[in-house]
Amino acid sequence: MRYGISILGDRVAPRCTCADAVLLVESRKGGVQQRNSVNLNHRSLVGLLDVLASNRVDTLVCGGISRSDKEFTRGRQIAVVDNVAGSVAEVVAAIGSGALQPGLGLSGQSADPEIVSADNLDLDRAGLSTPATADCLACQDHLCLRGKPCHLDDHERHQKPLEREVNDMLEAALDISLEDERTLCRLSELIYFCLEMRYQHLGLAYCIELQEPAEILTHVLRRFFVVSPVSCKIGGLAIDDPLSSVDTGPAVRGRRHAIACNPTGQAAALNRAGTEINVLVGLCMGADCIFARASHAPVSTLFVKDRSLANNPIGAVYSDYYLNEAVRAGAKR
């Protein structure tokens, strides 16, 4: 049996079409007999399949692969073992031991079965059990979809009752999500949720780049609530201010009179205003984390800024181009 492993550096490529090379592994009785790699000149499925075919590969081992690409590969009489993660050494060892399977290295499955068994053995001898790791995508039972409670979190669920505010939020969320008579947009859901929670004062933490939609949104929300809109630049220091401790790159430092974002200041301003819920409108990645950590009130995201996808970031997971871009960005780190 001859395997072709799509690799990026010394690991399985996260996407098969992002591989730099294909590692050819021949498995015979007694283990792995032969290994050599072939560079990929074209990062495409066609280029990958040409290499596999010319080297008489029976099985492609890869990370992510789209359903259509998987079917096309199988149509070329090449089996696919996908969703594999790990180093080249780990995957080759799994092939040699017969442990190779889809999902290897993900969902808590180690690419080295000997390591897993040894760890479990030591825990069992100590009278301990392996801690359960939540991975709902790998769940085979799907009890929740059959109306039954998930057993993974039993001990957490019975430790203490829900706080009153959390319980009220869940009730309001269910009232909105289970509404059969209408399909609400996210903005309408926000309004219904805040009305049901009897919130009167909303905070709007917005990015200056989305000032126009933030202004329109504020006018709409003020029909129902008191709204305090706060820009990301509030209280921010100039980039070139000697008091600023933010270390920026040369491209940012070259912008004279630029004001740094201040998500902590945004949260502080809304905390002082006494808002009951804060709504995020396009805060930058990372700035939203800082704001949520500093906010006294619950935080909900309404608009997300995405400069490439017209503020629709979910589009990236349905685009080979943007998935490959994300994989290449991660590989550079």
C-alpha atoms as a PDB file:
ATOM      1  CA  MET A   1       0.000   0.000   0.000  1.00  0.00           C
ATOM      2  CA  ARG A   2       1.415   3.369  -1.005  1.00  0.00           C
ATOM      3  CA  TYR A   3       0.351   6.514   0.865  1.00  0.00           C
ATOM      4  CA  GLY A   4       0.787  10.133  -0.149  1.00  0.00           C
ATOM      5  CA  ILE A   5       0.838  12.556   2.793  1.00  0.00           C
ATOM      6  CA  SER A   6       0.264  16.224   1.932  1.00  0.00           C
ATOM      7  CA  ILE A   7       2.742  18.132   4.101  1.00  0.00           C
ATOM      8  CA  LEU A   8       3.574  21.724   4.988  1.00  0.00           C
ATOM      9  CA  GLY A   9       6.975  21.912   6.646  1.00  0.00           C
ATOM     10  CA  ASP A  10       7.250  18.911   8.962  1.00  0.00           C
ATOM     11  CA  ARG A  11       3.512  18.533   9.584  1.00  0.00           C
ATOM     12  CA  VAL A  12       0.434  17.410   7.703  1.00  0.00           C
ATOM     13  CA  ALA A  13      -0.856  20.398   5.732  1.00  0.00           C
ATOM     14  CA  PRO A  14      -4.051  21.789   7.304  1.00  0.00           C
ATOM     15  CA  ARG A  15      -5.568  21.918   3.786  1.00  0.00           C
ATOM     16  CA  CYS A  16      -4.516  19.445   1.120  1.00  0.00           C
ATOM     17  CA  THR A  17      -4.255  22.235  -1.469  1.00  0.00           C
ATOM     18  CA  CYS A  18      -1.867  24.210   0.776  1.00  0.00           C
ATOM     19  CA  ALA A  19       0.823  21.535   0.828  1.00  0.00           C
ATOM     20  CA  ASP A  20       4.410  22.253  -0.182  1.00  0.00           C
ATOM     21  CA  ALA A  21       5.153  18.607  -0.873  1.00  0.00           C
ATOM     22  CA  VAL A  22       3.832  15.063  -0.806  1.00  0.00           C
ATOM     23  CA  LEU A  23       5.574  12.505   1.371  1.00  0.00           C
ATOM     24  CA  LEU A  24       5.392   9.061  -0.248  1.00  0.00           C
ATOM     25  CA  VAL A  25       5.204   6.199   2.228  1.00  0.00           C
ATOM     26  CA  GLU A  26       5.039   2.540   1.274  1.00  0.00           C
ATOM     27  CA  SER A  27       3.613   0.197   3.867  1.00  0.00           C
ATOM     28  CA  ARG A  28       4.281  -3.509   3.731  1.00  0.00           C
ATOM     29  CA  LYS A  29       4.182  -6.342   6.202  1.00  0.00           C
ATOM     30  CA  GLY A  30       6.458  -5.456   9.059  1.00  0.00           C
ATOM     31  CA  GLY A  31       5.996  -1.704   8.819  1.00  0.00           C
ATOM     32  CA  VAL A  32       6.995   1.216   6.620  1.00  0.00           C
ATOM     33  CA  GLN A  33       9.508   0.221   3.975  1.00  0.00           C
ATOM     34  CA  GLN A  34      10.087   3.324   1.873  1.00  0.00           C
ATOM     35  CA  ARG A  35       9.870   7.111   2.285  1.00  0.00           C
ATOM     36  CA  ASN A  36      10.628   9.993  -0.040  1.00  0.00           C
ATOM     37  CA  SER A  37       9.061  13.375  -0.763  1.00  0.00           C
ATOM     38  CA  VAL A  38       8.023  15.132  -3.960  1.00  0.00           C
ATOM     39  CA  ASN A  39       7.747  18.919  -4.091  1.00  0.00           C
ATOM     40  CA  LEU A  40       4.495  20.415  -5.380  1.00  0.00           C
ATOM     41  CA  ASN A  41       5.013  23.058  -8.045  1.00  0.00           C
ATOM     42  CA  HIS A  42       1.315  23.994  -8.131  1.00  0.00           C
ATOM     43  CA  ARG A  43      -0.800  24.327  -5.000  1.00  0.00           C
ATOM     44  CA  SER A  44      -3.974  22.928  -6.488  1.00  0.00           C
ATOM     45  CA  LEU A  45      -5.948  19.709  -6.375  1.00  0.00           C
ATOM     46  CA  VAL A  46      -5.046  18.928  -9.986  1.00  0.00           C
ATOM     47  CA  GLY A  47      -1.333  19.373  -9.268  1.00  0.00           C
ATOM     48  CA  LEU A  48      -1.625  17.209  -6.159  1.00  0.00           C
ATOM     49  CA  LEU A  49      -3.502  14.428  -7.974  1.00  0.00           C
ATOM     50  CA  ASP A  50      -1.004  14.450 -10.833  1.00  0.00           C
ATOM     51  CA  VAL A  51       1.796  13.768  -8.340  1.00  0.00           C
ATOM     52  CA  LEU A  52      -0.225  11.042  -6.627  1.00  0.00           C
ATOM     53  CA  ALA A  53      -1.077   9.347  -9.932  1.00  0.00           C
ATOM     54  CA  SER A  54       2.458   9.492 -11.322  1.00  0.00           C
ATOM     55  CA  ASN A  55       3.767   7.872  -8.136  1.00  0.00           C
ATOM     56  CA  ARG A  56       1.023   5.199  -8.057  1.00  0.00           C
ATOM     57  CA  VAL A  57      -0.364   6.349  -4.692  1.00  0.00           C
ATOM     58  CA  ASP A  58      -3.314   4.344  -3.355  1.00  0.00           C
ATOM     59  CA  THR A  59      -4.331   6.611  -0.449  1.00  0.00           C
ATOM     60  CA  LEU A  60      -4.119  10.354   0.124  1.00  0.00           C
ATOM     61  CA  VAL A  61      -3.527  11.352   3.759  1.00  0.00           C
ATOM     62  CA  CYS A  62      -4.429  14.984   4.367  1.00  0.00           C
ATOM     63  CA  GLY A  63      -5.858  17.574   6.713  1.00  0.00           C
ATOM     64  CA  GLY A  64      -8.911  19.456   5.478  1.00  0.00           C
ATOM     65  CA  ILE A  65     -10.393  18.713   2.068  1.00  0.00           C
ATOM     66  CA  SER A  66     -13.685  19.915   0.602  1.00  0.00           C
ATOM     67  CA  ARG A  67     -16.431  17.397  -0.090  1.00  0.00           C
ATOM     68  CA  SER A  68     -16.251  17.954  -3.848  1.00  0.00           C
ATOM     69  CA  ASP A  69     -12.432  17.573  -3.883  1.00  0.00           C
ATOM     70  CA  LYS A  70     -12.749  14.406  -1.820  1.00  0.00           C
ATOM     71  CA  GLU A  71     -15.262  12.905  -4.238  1.00  0.00           C
ATOM     72  CA  PHE A  72     -13.120  13.937  -7.217  1.00  0.00           C
ATOM     73  CA  THR A  73     -10.055  12.288  -5.656  1.00  0.00           C
ATOM     74  CA  ARG A  74     -11.958   9.074  -5.033  1.00  0.00           C
ATOM     75  CA  GLY A  75     -13.145   9.209  -8.625  1.00  0.00           C
ATOM     76  CA  ARG A  76      -9.471   8.963  -9.610  1.00  0.00           C
ATOM     77  CA  GLN A  77      -9.331   5.654  -7.687  1.00  0.00           C
ATOM     78  CA  ILE A  78      -7.418   7.186  -4.775  1.00  0.00           C
ATOM     79  CA  ALA A  79      -8.765   6.629  -1.261  1.00  0.00           C
ATOM     80  CA  VAL A  80      -8.794   9.567   1.189  1.00  0.00           C
ATOM     81  CA  VAL A  81      -7.954   9.608   4.891  1.00  0.00           C
ATOM     82  CA  ASP A  82      -8.782  13.176   5.903  1.00  0.00           C
ATOM     83  CA  ASN A  83      -8.847  15.428   8.969  1.00  0.00           C
ATOM     84  CA  VAL A  84      -5.439  14.115   9.998  1.00  0.00           C
ATOM     85  CA  ALA A  85      -3.257  16.394  12.123  1.00  0.00           C
ATOM     86  CA  GLY A  86       0.221  15.936  13.515  1.00  0.00           C
ATOM     87  CA  SER A  87       3.883  15.772  12.630  1.00  0.00           C
ATOM     88  CA  VAL A  88       5.213  13.709   9.747  1.00  0.00           C
ATOM     89  CA  ALA A  89       6.894  11.328  12.212  1.00  0.00           C
ATOM     90  CA  GLU A  90       3.648  10.758  14.111  1.00  0.00           C
ATOM     91  CA  VAL A  91       1.624  10.026  10.993  1.00  0.00           C
ATOM     92  CA  VAL A  92       4.261   7.704   9.521  1.00  0.00           C
ATOM     93  CA  ALA A  93       4.325   5.846  12.863  1.00  0.00           C
ATOM     94  CA  ALA A  94       0.522   5.529  12.733  1.00  0.00           C
ATOM     95  CA  ILE A  95       0.738   4.066   9.224  1.00  0.00           C
ATOM     96  CA  GLY A  96       3.353   1.572  10.359  1.00  0.00           C
ATOM     97  CA  SER A  97       1.294   0.479  13.372  1.00  0.00           C
ATOM     98  CA  GLY A  98      -1.989   0.299  11.466  1.00  0.00           C
ATOM     99  CA  ALA A  99      -3.515   3.114  13.553  1.00  0.00           C
ATOM    100  CA  LEU A 100      -4.123   5.540  10.697  1.00  0.00           C
ATOM    101  CA  GLN A 101      -7.739   6.714  10.528  1.00  0.00           C
ATOM    102  CA  PRO A 102      -9.721   9.869   9.689  1.00  0.00           C
ATOM    103  CA  GLY A 103      -9.502  12.398  12.502  1.00  0.00           C
ATOM    104  CA  LEU A 104      -6.131  11.129  13.759  1.00  0.00           C
ATOM    105  CA  GLY A 105      -4.492  13.813  15.870  1.00  0.00           C
ATOM    106  CA  LEU A 106      -7.796  15.648  16.335  1.00  0.00           C
ATOM    107  CA  SER A 107     -10.600  15.200  18.869  1.00  0.00           C
ATOM    108  CA  GLY A 108      -8.209  13.955  21.529  1.00  0.00           C
ATOM    109  CA  GLN A 109      -6.914  11.113  19.314  1.00  0.00           C
ATOM    110  CA  SER A 110      -3.141  11.019  19.431  1.00  0.00           C
ATOM    111  CA  ALA A 111      -1.148  10.224  16.314  1.00  0.00           C
ATOM    112  CA  ASP A 112       0.982   8.043  18.578  1.00  0.00           C
ATOM    113  CA  PRO A 113      -1.235   5.269  20.014  1.00  0.00           C
ATOM    114  CA  GLU A 114       1.523   4.052  22.346  1.00  0.00           C
ATOM    115  CA  ILE A 115       1.629   7.408  24.120  1.00  0.00           C
ATOM    116  CA  VAL A 116      -2.119   7.386  24.717  1.00  0.00           C
ATOM    117  CA  SER A 117      -2.198   3.859  26.102  1.00  0.00           C
ATOM    118  CA  ALA A 118       0.754   4.529  28.418  1.00  0.00           C
ATOM    119  CA  ASP A 119      -0.845   7.689  29.810  1.00  0.00           C
ATOM    120  CA  ASN A 120      -4.154   5.960  30.425  1.00  0.00           C
ATOM    121  CA  LEU A 121      -2.409   3.029  32.098  1.00  0.00           C
ATOM    122  CA  ASP A 122      -0.615   5.296  34.549  1.00  0.00           C
ATOM    123  CA  LEU A 123      -3.846   7.101  35.403  1.00  0.00           C
ATOM    124  CA  ASP A 124      -5.709   3.852  35.936  1.00  0.00           C
ATOM    125  CA  ARG A 125      -3.008   2.577  38.275  1.00  0.00           C
ATOM    126  CA  ALA A 126      -3.296   5.759  40.309  1.00  0.00           C
ATOM    127  CA  GLY A 127      -7.034   5.312  40.629  1.00  0.00           C
ATOM    128  CA  LEU A 128      -7.734   8.312  38.407  1.00  0.00           C
ATOM    129  CA  SER A 129      -9.682   8.612  35.190  1.00  0.00           C
ATOM    130  CA  THR A 130      -8.745  10.546  32.077  1.00  0.00           C
ATOM    131  CA  PRO A 131     -10.455  13.963  32.227  1.00  0.00           C
ATOM    132  CA  ALA A 132     -13.198  14.345  29.627  1.00  0.00           C
ATOM    133  CA  THR A 133     -12.438  16.892  26.940  1.00  0.00           C
ATOM    134  CA  ALA A 134     -15.354  18.609  25.242  1.00  0.00           C
ATOM    135  CA  ASP A 135     -15.350  18.257  21.461  1.00  0.00           C
ATOM    136  CA  CYS A 136     -18.925  18.403  20.247  1.00  0.00           C
ATOM    137  CA  LEU A 137     -17.923  18.100  16.583  1.00  0.00           C
ATOM    138  CA  ALA A 138     -16.451  14.667  17.326  1.00  0.00           C
ATOM    139  CA  CYS A 139     -19.495  13.475  19.300  1.00  0.00           C
ATOM    140  CA  GLN A 140     -21.083  10.302  17.921  1.00  0.00           C
ATOM    141  CA  ASP A 141     -24.103  10.193  20.256  1.00  0.00           C
ATOM    142  CA  HIS A 142     -25.680  13.605  19.572  1.00  0.00           C
ATOM    143  CA  LEU A 143     -27.952  13.173  22.566  1.00  0.00           C
ATOM    144  CA  CYS A 144     -28.796  16.881  22.527  1.00  0.00           C
ATOM    145  CA  LEU A 145     -30.286  16.561  19.042  1.00  0.00           C
ATOM    146  CA  ARG A 146     -32.555  13.801  20.338  1.00  0.00           C
ATOM    147  CA  GLY A 147     -33.835  15.876  23.227  1.00  0.00           C
ATOM    148  CA  LYS A 148     -31.637  14.197  25.854  1.00  0.00           C
ATOM    149  CA  PRO A 149     -29.136  15.922  28.190  1.00  0.00           C
ATOM    150  CA  CYS A 150     -25.449  15.589  27.330  1.00  0.00           C
ATOM    151  CA  HIS A 151     -23.655  13.317  29.809  1.00  0.00           C
ATOM    152  CA  LEU A 152     -20.260  15.005  29.367  1.00  0.00           C
ATOM    153  CA  ASP A 153     -21.087  17.902  31.667  1.00  0.00           C
ATOM    154  CA  ASP A 154     -23.191  16.097  34.293  1.00  0.00           C
ATOM    155  CA  HIS A 155     -21.007  17.076  37.250  1.00  0.00           C
ATOM    156  CA  GLU A 156     -20.963  20.739  36.215  1.00  0.00           C
ATOM    157  CA  ARG A 157     -24.698  20.919  35.639  1.00  0.00           C
ATOM    158  CA  HIS A 158     -25.579  19.642  39.103  1.00  0.00           C
ATOM    159  CA  GLN A 159     -23.061  21.612  41.135  1.00  0.00           C
ATOM    160  CA  LYS A 160     -25.227  24.706  41.574  1.00  0.00           C
ATOM    161  CA  PRO A 161     -28.369  26.249  40.093  1.00  0.00           C
ATOM    162  CA  LEU A 162     -28.107  28.916  37.428  1.00  0.00           C
ATOM    163  CA  GLU A 163     -27.856  32.515  38.581  1.00  0.00           C
ATOM    164  CA  ARG A 164     -31.109  34.409  38.213  1.00  0.00           C
ATOM    165  CA  GLU A 165     -29.742  36.764  35.543  1.00  0.00           C
ATOM    166  CA  VAL A 166     -28.301  33.886  33.504  1.00  0.00           C
ATOM    167  CA  ASN A 167     -31.579  32.006  33.745  1.00  0.00           C
ATOM    168  CA  ASP A 168     -33.509  35.082  32.578  1.00  0.00           C
ATOM    169  CA  MET A 169     -31.119  35.517  29.646  1.00  0.00           C
ATOM    170  CA  LEU A 170     -31.536  31.899  28.580  1.00  0.00           C
ATOM    171  CA  GLU A 171     -35.312  32.189  28.755  1.00  0.00           C
ATOM    172  CA  ALA A 172     -35.250  35.332  26.615  1.00  0.00           C
ATOM    173  CA  ALA A 173     -32.838  33.733  24.135  1.00  0.00           C
ATOM    174  CA  LEU A 174     -35.062  30.658  23.802  1.00  0.00           C
ATOM    175  CA  ASP A 175     -38.173  32.791  23.330  1.00  0.00           C
ATOM    176  CA  ILE A 176     -36.469  34.463  20.360  1.00  0.00           C
ATOM    177  CA  SER A 177     -34.730  31.459  18.789  1.00  0.00           C
ATOM    178  CA  LEU A 178     -37.813  29.203  19.014  1.00  0.00           C
ATOM    179  CA  GLU A 179     -40.199  31.762  17.520  1.00  0.00           C
ATOM    180  CA  ASP A 180     -41.974  29.989  14.640  1.00  0.00           C
ATOM    181  CA  GLU A 181     -44.093  32.811  13.270  1.00  0.00           C
ATOM    182  CA  ARG A 182     -41.275  35.090  12.156  1.00  0.00           C
ATOM    183  CA  THR A 183     -37.646  35.016  11.079  1.00  0.00           C
ATOM    184  CA  LEU A 184     -35.832  37.842  12.806  1.00  0.00           C
ATOM    185  CA  CYS A 185     -32.667  39.546  11.636  1.00  0.00           C
ATOM    186  CA  ARG A 186     -29.927  39.984  14.215  1.00  0.00           C
ATOM    187  CA  LEU A 187     -30.872  43.614  14.876  1.00  0.00           C
ATOM    188  CA  SER A 188     -34.488  42.654  15.580  1.00  0.00           C
ATOM    189  CA  GLU A 189     -33.319  39.867  17.855  1.00  0.00           C
ATOM    190  CA  LEU A 190     -31.248  42.375  19.821  1.00  0.00           C
ATOM    191  CA  ILE A 191     -34.267  44.644  20.290  1.00  0.00           C
ATOM    192  CA  TYR A 192     -36.562  41.794  21.342  1.00  0.00           C
ATOM    193  CA  PHE A 193     -33.945  40.418  23.717  1.00  0.00           C
ATOM    194  CA  CYS A 194     -33.342  43.774  25.417  1.00  0.00           C
ATOM    195  CA  LEU A 195     -37.078  44.424  25.717  1.00  0.00           C
ATOM    196  CA  GLU A 196     -37.683  41.019  27.275  1.00  0.00           C
ATOM    197  CA  MET A 197     -34.778  41.540  29.671  1.00  0.00           C
ATOM    198  CA  ARG A 198     -36.257  44.970  30.511  1.00  0.00           C
ATOM    199  CA  TYR A 199     -32.976  46.701  29.727  1.00  0.00           C
ATOM    200  CA  GLN A 200     -33.368  50.468  29.444  1.00  0.00           C
ATOM    201  CA  HIS A 201     -29.795  51.680  28.911  1.00  0.00           C
ATOM    202  CA  LEU A 202     -27.645  50.208  26.113  1.00  0.00           C
ATOM    203  CA  GLY A 203     -23.986  50.887  25.456  1.00  0.00           C
ATOM    204  CA  LEU A 204     -22.697  50.909  21.878  1.00  0.00           C
ATOM    205  CA  ALA A 205     -18.951  50.265  21.564  1.00  0.00           C
ATOM    206  CA  TYR A 206     -18.111  50.927  17.939  1.00  0.00           C
ATOM    207  CA  CYS A 207     -15.077  51.117  15.689  1.00  0.00           C
ATOM    208  CA  ILE A 208     -14.517  54.501  14.087  1.00  0.00           C
ATOM    209  CA  GLU A 209     -14.388  52.768  10.684  1.00  0.00           C
ATOM    210  CA  LEU A 210     -18.039  51.768  11.147  1.00  0.00           C
ATOM    211  CA  GLN A 211     -19.229  55.161  12.338  1.00  0.00           C
ATOM    212  CA  GLU A 212     -21.960  55.462   9.698  1.00  0.00           C
ATOM    213  CA  PRO A 213     -23.707  52.146  10.492  1.00  0.00           C
ATOM    214  CA  ALA A 214     -23.174  52.864  14.197  1.00  0.00           C
ATOM    215  CA  GLU A 215     -24.984  56.188  13.803  1.00  0.00           C
ATOM    216  CA  ILE A 216     -27.903  54.590  11.938  1.00  0.00           C
ATOM    217  CA  LEU A 217     -28.071  51.833  14.537  1.00  0.00           C
ATOM    218  CA  THR A 218     -28.123  54.354  17.383  1.00  0.00           C
ATOM    219  CA  HIS A 219     -31.087  56.190  15.816  1.00  0.00           C
ATOM    220  CA  VAL A 220     -33.011  52.910  15.549  1.00  0.00           C
ATOM    221  CA  LEU A 221     -32.243  51.750  19.075  1.00  0.00           C
ATOM    222  CA  ARG A 222     -33.126  55.134  20.587  1.00  0.00           C
ATOM    223  CA  ARG A 223     -36.746  54.489  19.606  1.00  0.00           C
ATOM    224  CA  PHE A 224     -36.770  51.947  22.427  1.00  0.00           C
ATOM    225  CA  PHE A 225     -33.832  52.570  24.748  1.00  0.00           C
ATOM    226  CA  VAL A 226     -31.360  55.070  26.123  1.00  0.00           C
ATOM    227  CA  VAL A 227     -28.203  54.520  24.065  1.00  0.00           C
ATOM    228  CA  SER A 228     -24.643  55.599  24.866  1.00  0.00           C
ATOM    229  CA  PRO A 229     -22.421  55.266  21.760  1.00  0.00           C
ATOM    230  CA  VAL A 230     -18.692  55.272  22.464  1.00  0.00           C
ATOM    231  CA  SER A 231     -15.969  55.318  19.798  1.00  0.00           C
ATOM    232  CA  CYS A 232     -12.880  53.108  19.958  1.00  0.00           C
ATOM    233  CA  LYS A 233     -10.751  56.264  20.019  1.00  0.00           C
ATOM    234  CA  ILE A 234     -12.207  57.670  23.251  1.00  0.00           C
ATOM    235  CA  GLY A 235      -9.391  58.655  25.596  1.00  0.00           C
ATOM    236  CA  GLY A 236      -6.796  57.153  23.280  1.00  0.00           C
ATOM    237  CA  LEU A 237      -3.294  58.560  23.138  1.00  0.00           C
ATOM    238  CA  ALA A 238      -1.596  59.678  19.942  1.00  0.00           C
ATOM    239  CA  ILE A 239       0.500  56.943  18.373  1.00  0.00           C
ATOM    240  CA  ASP A 240       3.611  59.112  18.647  1.00  0.00           C
ATOM    241  CA  ASP A 241       2.827  60.283  22.201  1.00  0.00           C
ATOM    242  CA  PRO A 242       5.764  59.421  24.474  1.00  0.00           C
ATOM    243  CA  LEU A 243       3.262  58.368  27.161  1.00  0.00           C
ATOM    244  CA  SER A 244       1.896  55.654  24.875  1.00  0.00           C
ATOM    245  CA  SER A 245       3.379  52.266  25.780  1.00  0.00           C
ATOM    246  CA  VAL A 246       1.831  50.463  22.811  1.00  0.00           C
ATOM    247  CA  ASP A 247       4.591  49.051  20.621  1.00  0.00           C
ATOM    248  CA  THR A 248       3.476  49.469  17.004  1.00  0.00           C
ATOM    249  CA  GLY A 249       5.063  48.645  13.682  1.00  0.00           C
ATOM    250  CA  PRO A 250       6.699  51.237  11.415  1.00  0.00           C
ATOM    251  CA  ALA A 251       3.618  51.483   9.175  1.00  0.00           C
ATOM    252  CA  VAL A 252       1.498  52.606  12.131  1.00  0.00           C
ATOM    253  CA  ARG A 253       4.167  54.803  13.693  1.00  0.00           C
ATOM    254  CA  GLY A 254       4.434  56.652  10.367  1.00  0.00           C
ATOM    255  CA  ARG A 255       0.882  57.966  10.680  1.00  0.00           C
ATOM    256  CA  ARG A 256       1.308  61.356  12.289  1.00  0.00           C
ATOM    257  CA  HIS A 257      -1.369  62.428  14.743  1.00  0.00           C
ATOM    258  CA  ALA A 258      -3.008  58.957  14.639  1.00  0.00           C
ATOM    259  CA  ILE A 259      -4.913  58.055  17.803  1.00  0.00           C
ATOM    260  CA  ALA A 260      -4.561  54.562  19.225  1.00  0.00           C
ATOM    261  CA  CYS A 261      -7.661  52.502  19.932  1.00  0.00           C
ATOM    262  CA  ASN A 262      -8.620  52.360  23.593  1.00  0.00           C
ATOM    263  CA  PRO A 263     -11.045  49.470  24.266  1.00  0.00           C
ATOM    264  CA  THR A 264     -10.322  49.665  27.989  1.00  0.00           C
ATOM    265  CA  GLY A 265     -11.360  53.324  27.921  1.00  0.00           C
ATOM    266  CA  GLN A 266     -14.518  52.416  25.975  1.00  0.00           C
ATOM    267  CA  ALA A 267     -15.503  49.899  28.637  1.00  0.00           C
ATOM    268  CA  ALA A 268     -14.667  52.309  31.449  1.00  0.00           C
ATOM    269  CA  ALA A 269     -16.839  55.037  29.905  1.00  0.00           C
ATOM    270  CA  LEU A 270     -19.812  52.672  29.590  1.00  0.00           C
ATOM    271  CA  ASN A 271     -19.203  51.292  33.081  1.00  0.00           C
ATOM    272  CA  ARG A 272     -19.435  54.852  34.435  1.00  0.00           C
ATOM    273  CA  ALA A 273     -22.602  55.420  32.408  1.00  0.00           C
ATOM    274  CA  GLY A 274     -24.188  52.383  34.071  1.00  0.00           C
ATOM    275  CA  THR A 275     -25.250  50.582  30.893  1.00  0.00           C
ATOM    276  CA  GLU A 276     -27.127  47.310  31.331  1.00  0.00           C
ATOM    277  CA  ILE A 277     -25.813  45.649  28.170  1.00  0.00           C
ATOM    278  CA  ASN A 278     -23.043  46.660  25.790  1.00  0.00           C
ATOM    279  CA  VAL A 279     -23.248  46.012  22.043  1.00  0.00           C
ATOM    280  CA  LEU A 280     -20.109  45.649  19.943  1.00  0.00           C
ATOM    281  CA  VAL A 281     -20.051  47.175  16.477  1.00  0.00           C
ATOM    282  CA  GLY A 282     -16.973  46.253  14.456  1.00  0.00           C
ATOM    283  CA  LEU A 283     -14.273  46.346  17.120  1.00  0.00           C
ATOM    284  CA  CYS A 284     -10.950  45.014  15.850  1.00  0.00           C
ATOM    285  CA  MET A 285      -9.849  41.480  16.628  1.00  0.00           C
ATOM    286  CA  GLY A 286      -8.272  41.583  20.071  1.00  0.00           C
ATOM    287  CA  ALA A 287      -9.791  44.949  20.979  1.00  0.00           C
ATOM    288  CA  ASP A 288     -13.128  43.148  21.372  1.00  0.00           C
ATOM    289  CA  CYS A 289     -11.491  40.734  23.832  1.00  0.00           C
ATOM    290  CA  ILE A 290     -10.084  43.600  25.902  1.00  0.00           C
ATOM    291  CA  PHE A 291     -13.442  45.360  25.940  1.00  0.00           C
ATOM    292  CA  ALA A 292     -15.380  42.239  26.969  1.00  0.00           C
ATOM    293  CA  ARG A 293     -12.949  41.576  29.812  1.00  0.00           C
ATOM    294  CA  ALA A 294     -13.255  45.143  31.154  1.00  0.00           C
ATOM    295  CA  SER A 295     -17.016  45.559  30.726  1.00  0.00           C
ATOM    296  CA  HIS A 296     -19.187  45.338  33.830  1.00  0.00           C
ATOM    297  CA  ALA A 297     -22.321  44.724  31.751  1.00  0.00           C
ATOM    298  CA  PRO A 298     -23.017  41.708  29.535  1.00  0.00           C
ATOM    299  CA  VAL A 299     -21.562  42.034  26.024  1.00  0.00           C
ATOM    300  CA  SER A 300     -23.144  41.039  22.709  1.00  0.00           C
ATOM    301  CA  THR A 301     -21.638  41.396  19.234  1.00  0.00           C
ATOM    302  CA  LEU A 302     -23.963  42.806  16.580  1.00  0.00           C
ATOM    303  CA  PHE A 303     -21.670  43.731  13.661  1.00  0.00           C
ATOM    304  CA  VAL A 304     -18.254  42.238  12.911  1.00  0.00           C
ATOM    305  CA  LYS A 305     -15.699  44.072  10.806  1.00  0.00           C
ATOM    306  CA  ASP A 306     -14.178  42.081   7.944  1.00  0.00           C
ATOM    307  CA  ARG A 307     -12.412  44.205   5.355  1.00  0.00           C
ATOM    308  CA  SER A 308     -12.119  41.397   2.795  1.00  0.00           C
ATOM    309  CA  LEU A 309     -15.605  39.876   3.008  1.00  0.00           C
ATOM    310  CA  ALA A 310     -17.956  42.868   3.264  1.00  0.00           C
ATOM    311  CA  ASN A 311     -18.232  42.372   7.033  1.00  0.00           C
ATOM    312  CA  ASN A 312     -19.394  38.788   6.549  1.00  0.00           C
ATOM    313  CA  PRO A 313     -16.611  36.681   8.147  1.00  0.00           C
ATOM    314  CA  ILE A 314     -18.554  33.418   7.950  1.00  0.00           C
ATOM    315  CA  GLY A 315     -17.982  33.524   4.192  1.00  0.00           C
ATOM    316  CA  ALA A 316     -14.334  32.539   4.765  1.00  0.00           C
ATOM    317  CA  VAL A 317     -15.198  28.968   5.801  1.00  0.00           C
ATOM    318  CA  TYR A 318     -17.028  28.428   2.493  1.00  0.00           C
ATOM    319  CA  SER A 319     -14.203  29.792   0.325  1.00  0.00           C
ATOM    320  CA  ASP A 320     -11.150  27.749  -0.656  1.00  0.00           C
ATOM    321  CA  TYR A 321      -9.272  30.975  -1.370  1.00  0.00           C
ATOM    322  CA  TYR A 322      -9.751  32.419   2.124  1.00  0.00           C
ATOM    323  CA  LEU A 323      -9.262  29.063   3.867  1.00  0.00           C
ATOM    324  CA  ASN A 324      -5.949  28.657   2.069  1.00  0.00           C
ATOM    325  CA  GLU A 325      -5.029  32.238   2.980  1.00  0.00           C
ATOM    326  CA  ALA A 326      -5.742  31.463   6.652  1.00  0.00           C
ATOM    327  CA  VAL A 327      -3.643  28.309   6.537  1.00  0.00           C
ATOM    328  CA  ARG A 328      -0.708  30.132   4.932  1.00  0.00           C
ATOM    329  CA  ALA A 329      -0.949  32.877   7.558  1.00  0.00           C
ATOM    330  CA  GLY A 330      -0.806  30.288  10.340  1.00  0.00           C
ATOM    331  CA  ALA A 331       2.139  28.496   8.736  1.00  0.00           C
ATOM    332  CA  LYS A 332       4.226  31.685   8.761  1.00  0.00           C
ATOM    333  CA  ARG A 333       4.081  32.005  12.530  1.00  0.00           C
END
